[in-house]
Amino acid sequence: MDEALLVSSLYNIFYYSAVVLVPPLLLATIIAFIVGLFQAVTQIQEQTLPQTIKIMVIGFMLIAFGHALTAPLYTASDQIFSSFHEFYK
């Protein structure tokens, strides 16, 4: 087993997983701040408003940009599974 190949593959998977996760989390944080600020200014005490808006925005983002976000992760996973026999020599 080539340890450098294994480490490189794991690094790619972790990196591409972060690429998939960071944009929706960053967008959710920004939306939560804006909605929280709006609620503080208008004194709206609705608890479910931020979660509903965040779910809708993140869902739209994943529908619109999901393929572009997950394509590198899919390619790296496909590469690992196609070269799986090289890990156990």
N, C-alpha and C. Protein backbone atom coordinates (compact mmCIF):
# COMPACT_ATOMS: atom_id res chain seq x y z
N MET A 1 0.85 -1.18 0.00
CA MET A 1 0.00 0.00 0.00
C MET A 1 0.89 1.24 0.00
N ASP A 2 0.64 2.09 -0.93
CA ASP A 2 1.39 3.34 -1.00
C ASP A 2 0.73 4.36 -0.09
N GLU A 3 1.42 4.70 0.99
CA GLU A 3 0.83 5.59 1.99
C GLU A 3 0.66 7.01 1.47
N ALA A 4 1.54 7.43 0.58
CA ALA A 4 1.40 8.77 0.01
C ALA A 4 0.13 8.88 -0.83
N LEU A 5 -0.21 7.81 -1.56
CA LEU A 5 -1.43 7.81 -2.35
C LEU A 5 -2.67 7.85 -1.45
N LEU A 6 -2.62 7.10 -0.38
CA LEU A 6 -3.74 7.08 0.56
C LEU A 6 -3.92 8.44 1.23
N VAL A 7 -2.84 9.04 1.68
CA VAL A 7 -2.91 10.35 2.32
C VAL A 7 -3.39 11.41 1.34
N SER A 8 -2.91 11.34 0.11
CA SER A 8 -3.34 12.29 -0.91
C SER A 8 -4.84 12.15 -1.20
N SER A 9 -5.31 10.91 -1.27
CA SER A 9 -6.73 10.69 -1.52
C SER A 9 -7.60 11.20 -0.37
N LEU A 10 -7.17 10.93 0.85
CA LEU A 10 -7.92 11.42 2.01
C LEU A 10 -7.92 12.94 2.08
N TYR A 11 -6.79 13.55 1.76
CA TYR A 11 -6.73 15.01 1.75
C TYR A 11 -7.69 15.57 0.71
N ASN A 12 -7.74 14.95 -0.47
CA ASN A 12 -8.66 15.44 -1.51
C ASN A 12 -10.11 15.31 -1.07
N ILE A 13 -10.46 14.20 -0.44
CA ILE A 13 -11.83 14.03 0.02
C ILE A 13 -12.19 15.06 1.09
N PHE A 14 -11.30 15.29 2.04
CA PHE A 14 -11.58 16.30 3.08
C PHE A 14 -11.67 17.70 2.48
N TYR A 15 -10.78 18.00 1.53
CA TYR A 15 -10.79 19.32 0.90
C TYR A 15 -12.09 19.55 0.13
N TYR A 16 -12.48 18.57 -0.70
CA TYR A 16 -13.69 18.73 -1.51
C TYR A 16 -14.95 18.69 -0.64
N SER A 17 -14.90 18.00 0.47
CA SER A 17 -16.02 18.04 1.41
C SER A 17 -16.18 19.44 2.00
N ALA A 18 -15.06 20.07 2.31
CA ALA A 18 -15.12 21.44 2.81
C ALA A 18 -15.63 22.39 1.74
N VAL A 19 -15.25 22.15 0.49
CA VAL A 19 -15.72 23.00 -0.61
C VAL A 19 -17.24 22.88 -0.75
N VAL A 20 -17.78 21.69 -0.50
CA VAL A 20 -19.22 21.50 -0.59
C VAL A 20 -19.93 22.14 0.60
N LEU A 21 -19.34 22.07 1.79
CA LEU A 21 -20.02 22.51 3.01
C LEU A 21 -19.89 24.00 3.32
N VAL A 22 -18.77 24.60 2.97
CA VAL A 22 -18.53 25.99 3.40
C VAL A 22 -19.48 27.00 2.77
N PRO A 23 -19.75 26.98 1.45
CA PRO A 23 -20.67 28.01 0.91
C PRO A 23 -22.07 28.00 1.53
N PRO A 24 -22.73 26.83 1.70
CA PRO A 24 -24.05 26.89 2.37
C PRO A 24 -23.96 27.36 3.82
N LEU A 25 -22.92 26.96 4.55
CA LEU A 25 -22.78 27.41 5.94
C LEU A 25 -22.52 28.91 6.02
N LEU A 26 -21.70 29.41 5.11
CA LEU A 26 -21.42 30.84 5.09
C LEU A 26 -22.68 31.63 4.73
N LEU A 27 -23.42 31.12 3.77
CA LEU A 27 -24.67 31.78 3.39
C LEU A 27 -25.68 31.74 4.53
N ALA A 28 -25.77 30.61 5.23
CA ALA A 28 -26.69 30.51 6.36
C ALA A 28 -26.31 31.48 7.47
N THR A 29 -25.02 31.65 7.71
CA THR A 29 -24.57 32.60 8.73
C THR A 29 -24.92 34.03 8.36
N ILE A 30 -24.72 34.39 7.11
CA ILE A 30 -25.04 35.74 6.66
C ILE A 30 -26.55 35.99 6.73
N ILE A 31 -27.34 35.01 6.28
CA ILE A 31 -28.79 35.15 6.32
C ILE A 31 -29.29 35.26 7.77
N ALA A 32 -28.72 34.45 8.66
CA ALA A 32 -29.12 34.50 10.07
C ALA A 32 -28.80 35.87 10.67
N PHE A 33 -27.66 36.44 10.31
CA PHE A 33 -27.32 37.77 10.82
C PHE A 33 -28.29 38.83 10.30
N ILE A 34 -28.59 38.77 9.01
CA ILE A 34 -29.50 39.77 8.43
C ILE A 34 -30.90 39.64 9.02
N VAL A 35 -31.40 38.42 9.13
CA VAL A 35 -32.74 38.22 9.68
C VAL A 35 -32.77 38.60 11.17
N GLY A 36 -31.73 38.25 11.90
CA GLY A 36 -31.66 38.64 13.31
C GLY A 36 -31.63 40.15 13.49
N LEU A 37 -30.89 40.81 12.62
CA LEU A 37 -30.85 42.27 12.67
C LEU A 37 -32.22 42.86 12.33
N PHE A 38 -32.88 42.30 11.33
CA PHE A 38 -34.22 42.74 10.96
C PHE A 38 -35.20 42.52 12.11
N GLN A 39 -35.10 41.36 12.77
CA GLN A 39 -35.99 41.09 13.90
C GLN A 39 -35.72 42.03 15.06
N ALA A 40 -34.46 42.37 15.28
CA ALA A 40 -34.15 43.28 16.38
C ALA A 40 -34.66 44.69 16.10
N VAL A 41 -34.56 45.11 14.85
CA VAL A 41 -35.00 46.46 14.50
C VAL A 41 -36.52 46.56 14.54
N THR A 42 -37.20 45.56 14.03
CA THR A 42 -38.66 45.62 13.96
C THR A 42 -39.34 45.01 15.18
N GLN A 43 -38.59 44.42 16.08
CA GLN A 43 -39.07 43.79 17.30
C GLN A 43 -40.06 42.65 17.01
N ILE A 44 -39.80 41.91 15.94
CA ILE A 44 -40.58 40.71 15.64
C ILE A 44 -40.01 39.58 16.49
N GLN A 45 -40.87 38.89 17.21
CA GLN A 45 -40.42 37.85 18.14
C GLN A 45 -40.67 36.45 17.60
N GLU A 46 -40.81 36.30 16.31
CA GLU A 46 -41.09 34.99 15.71
C GLU A 46 -39.83 34.13 15.74
N GLN A 47 -39.91 32.95 16.36
CA GLN A 47 -38.74 32.07 16.52
C GLN A 47 -38.43 31.27 15.26
N THR A 48 -39.44 30.94 14.46
CA THR A 48 -39.22 30.08 13.31
C THR A 48 -38.86 30.84 12.03
N LEU A 49 -38.93 32.15 12.06
CA LEU A 49 -38.64 32.94 10.87
C LEU A 49 -37.21 32.74 10.36
N PRO A 50 -36.18 32.82 11.21
CA PRO A 50 -34.82 32.64 10.69
C PRO A 50 -34.57 31.23 10.12
N GLN A 51 -35.10 30.21 10.79
CA GLN A 51 -34.88 28.84 10.31
C GLN A 51 -35.58 28.62 8.97
N THR A 52 -36.78 29.15 8.83
CA THR A 52 -37.53 28.98 7.58
C THR A 52 -36.81 29.65 6.42
N ILE A 53 -36.34 30.86 6.64
CA ILE A 53 -35.65 31.58 5.58
C ILE A 53 -34.32 30.90 5.25
N LYS A 54 -33.59 30.46 6.26
CA LYS A 54 -32.31 29.77 6.01
C LYS A 54 -32.52 28.47 5.24
N ILE A 55 -33.53 27.71 5.61
CA ILE A 55 -33.81 26.46 4.90
C ILE A 55 -34.16 26.73 3.44
N MET A 56 -34.97 27.75 3.20
CA MET A 56 -35.35 28.08 1.83
C MET A 56 -34.15 28.54 1.01
N VAL A 57 -33.31 29.40 1.58
CA VAL A 57 -32.15 29.93 0.85
C VAL A 57 -31.13 28.83 0.60
N ILE A 58 -30.86 27.99 1.59
CA ILE A 58 -29.90 26.91 1.40
C ILE A 58 -30.45 25.89 0.40
N GLY A 59 -31.72 25.59 0.47
CA GLY A 59 -32.33 24.69 -0.51
C GLY A 59 -32.21 25.23 -1.92
N PHE A 60 -32.50 26.52 -2.10
CA PHE A 60 -32.35 27.13 -3.42
C PHE A 60 -30.90 27.09 -3.88
N MET A 61 -29.98 27.36 -2.96
CA MET A 61 -28.56 27.35 -3.33
C MET A 61 -28.12 25.95 -3.76
N LEU A 62 -28.57 24.93 -3.04
CA LEU A 62 -28.17 23.57 -3.40
C LEU A 62 -28.82 23.13 -4.70
N ILE A 63 -30.05 23.59 -4.97
CA ILE A 63 -30.68 23.27 -6.24
C ILE A 63 -29.97 23.98 -7.38
N ALA A 64 -29.63 25.25 -7.18
CA ALA A 64 -29.01 26.03 -8.25
C ALA A 64 -27.54 25.68 -8.48
N PHE A 65 -26.79 25.48 -7.40
CA PHE A 65 -25.34 25.28 -7.53
C PHE A 65 -24.87 23.92 -7.03
N GLY A 66 -25.78 23.01 -6.77
CA GLY A 66 -25.41 21.72 -6.21
C GLY A 66 -24.48 20.92 -7.09
N HIS A 67 -24.75 20.94 -8.39
CA HIS A 67 -23.90 20.17 -9.30
C HIS A 67 -22.48 20.73 -9.33
N ALA A 68 -22.35 22.03 -9.36
CA ALA A 68 -21.02 22.64 -9.39
C ALA A 68 -20.27 22.42 -8.07
N LEU A 69 -21.00 22.37 -6.96
CA LEU A 69 -20.36 22.15 -5.67
C LEU A 69 -19.93 20.70 -5.47
N THR A 70 -20.74 19.76 -5.95
CA THR A 70 -20.45 18.35 -5.68
C THR A 70 -19.66 17.66 -6.77
N ALA A 71 -19.46 18.27 -7.91
CA ALA A 71 -18.73 17.62 -9.00
C ALA A 71 -17.30 17.24 -8.62
N PRO A 72 -16.52 18.11 -7.97
CA PRO A 72 -15.16 17.68 -7.58
C PRO A 72 -15.17 16.55 -6.56
N LEU A 73 -16.11 16.56 -5.63
CA LEU A 73 -16.20 15.48 -4.64
C LEU A 73 -16.57 14.17 -5.32
N TYR A 74 -17.47 14.22 -6.28
CA TYR A 74 -17.84 13.02 -7.03
C TYR A 74 -16.66 12.48 -7.82
N THR A 75 -15.89 13.36 -8.44
CA THR A 75 -14.73 12.94 -9.22
C THR A 75 -13.67 12.31 -8.32
N ALA A 76 -13.41 12.90 -7.17
CA ALA A 76 -12.43 12.34 -6.24
C ALA A 76 -12.89 11.00 -5.70
N SER A 77 -14.18 10.87 -5.40
CA SER A 77 -14.71 9.59 -4.91
C SER A 77 -14.63 8.52 -6.00
N ASP A 78 -14.94 8.89 -7.22
CA ASP A 78 -14.84 7.95 -8.33
C ASP A 78 -13.40 7.50 -8.54
N GLN A 79 -12.47 8.43 -8.41
CA GLN A 79 -11.05 8.08 -8.55
C GLN A 79 -10.61 7.12 -7.45
N ILE A 80 -11.06 7.34 -6.24
CA ILE A 80 -10.69 6.45 -5.13
C ILE A 80 -11.26 5.05 -5.35
N PHE A 81 -12.53 4.97 -5.75
CA PHE A 81 -13.13 3.65 -5.93
C PHE A 81 -12.57 2.92 -7.15
N SER A 82 -12.17 3.67 -8.17
CA SER A 82 -11.59 3.01 -9.34
C SER A 82 -10.16 2.55 -9.08
N SER A 83 -9.45 3.19 -8.17
CA SER A 83 -8.09 2.76 -7.84
C SER A 83 -8.01 2.10 -6.47
N PHE A 84 -9.12 1.52 -6.03
CA PHE A 84 -9.18 0.90 -4.71
C PHE A 84 -8.22 -0.28 -4.58
N HIS A 85 -8.02 -0.98 -5.69
CA HIS A 85 -7.14 -2.14 -5.65
C HIS A 85 -5.67 -1.75 -5.40
N GLU A 86 -5.31 -0.50 -5.68
CA GLU A 86 -3.93 -0.05 -5.47
C GLU A 86 -3.62 0.20 -3.99
N PHE A 87 -4.65 0.36 -3.18
CA PHE A 87 -4.42 0.63 -1.76
C PHE A 87 -3.97 -0.61 -1.00
N TYR A 88 -4.32 -1.78 -1.51
CA TYR A 88 -4.01 -3.02 -0.81
C TYR A 88 -3.11 -3.93 -1.64
N LYS A 89 -1.94 -3.47 -1.93
CA LYS A 89 -0.95 -4.31 -2.64
C LYS A 89 -0.10 -5.05 -1.65
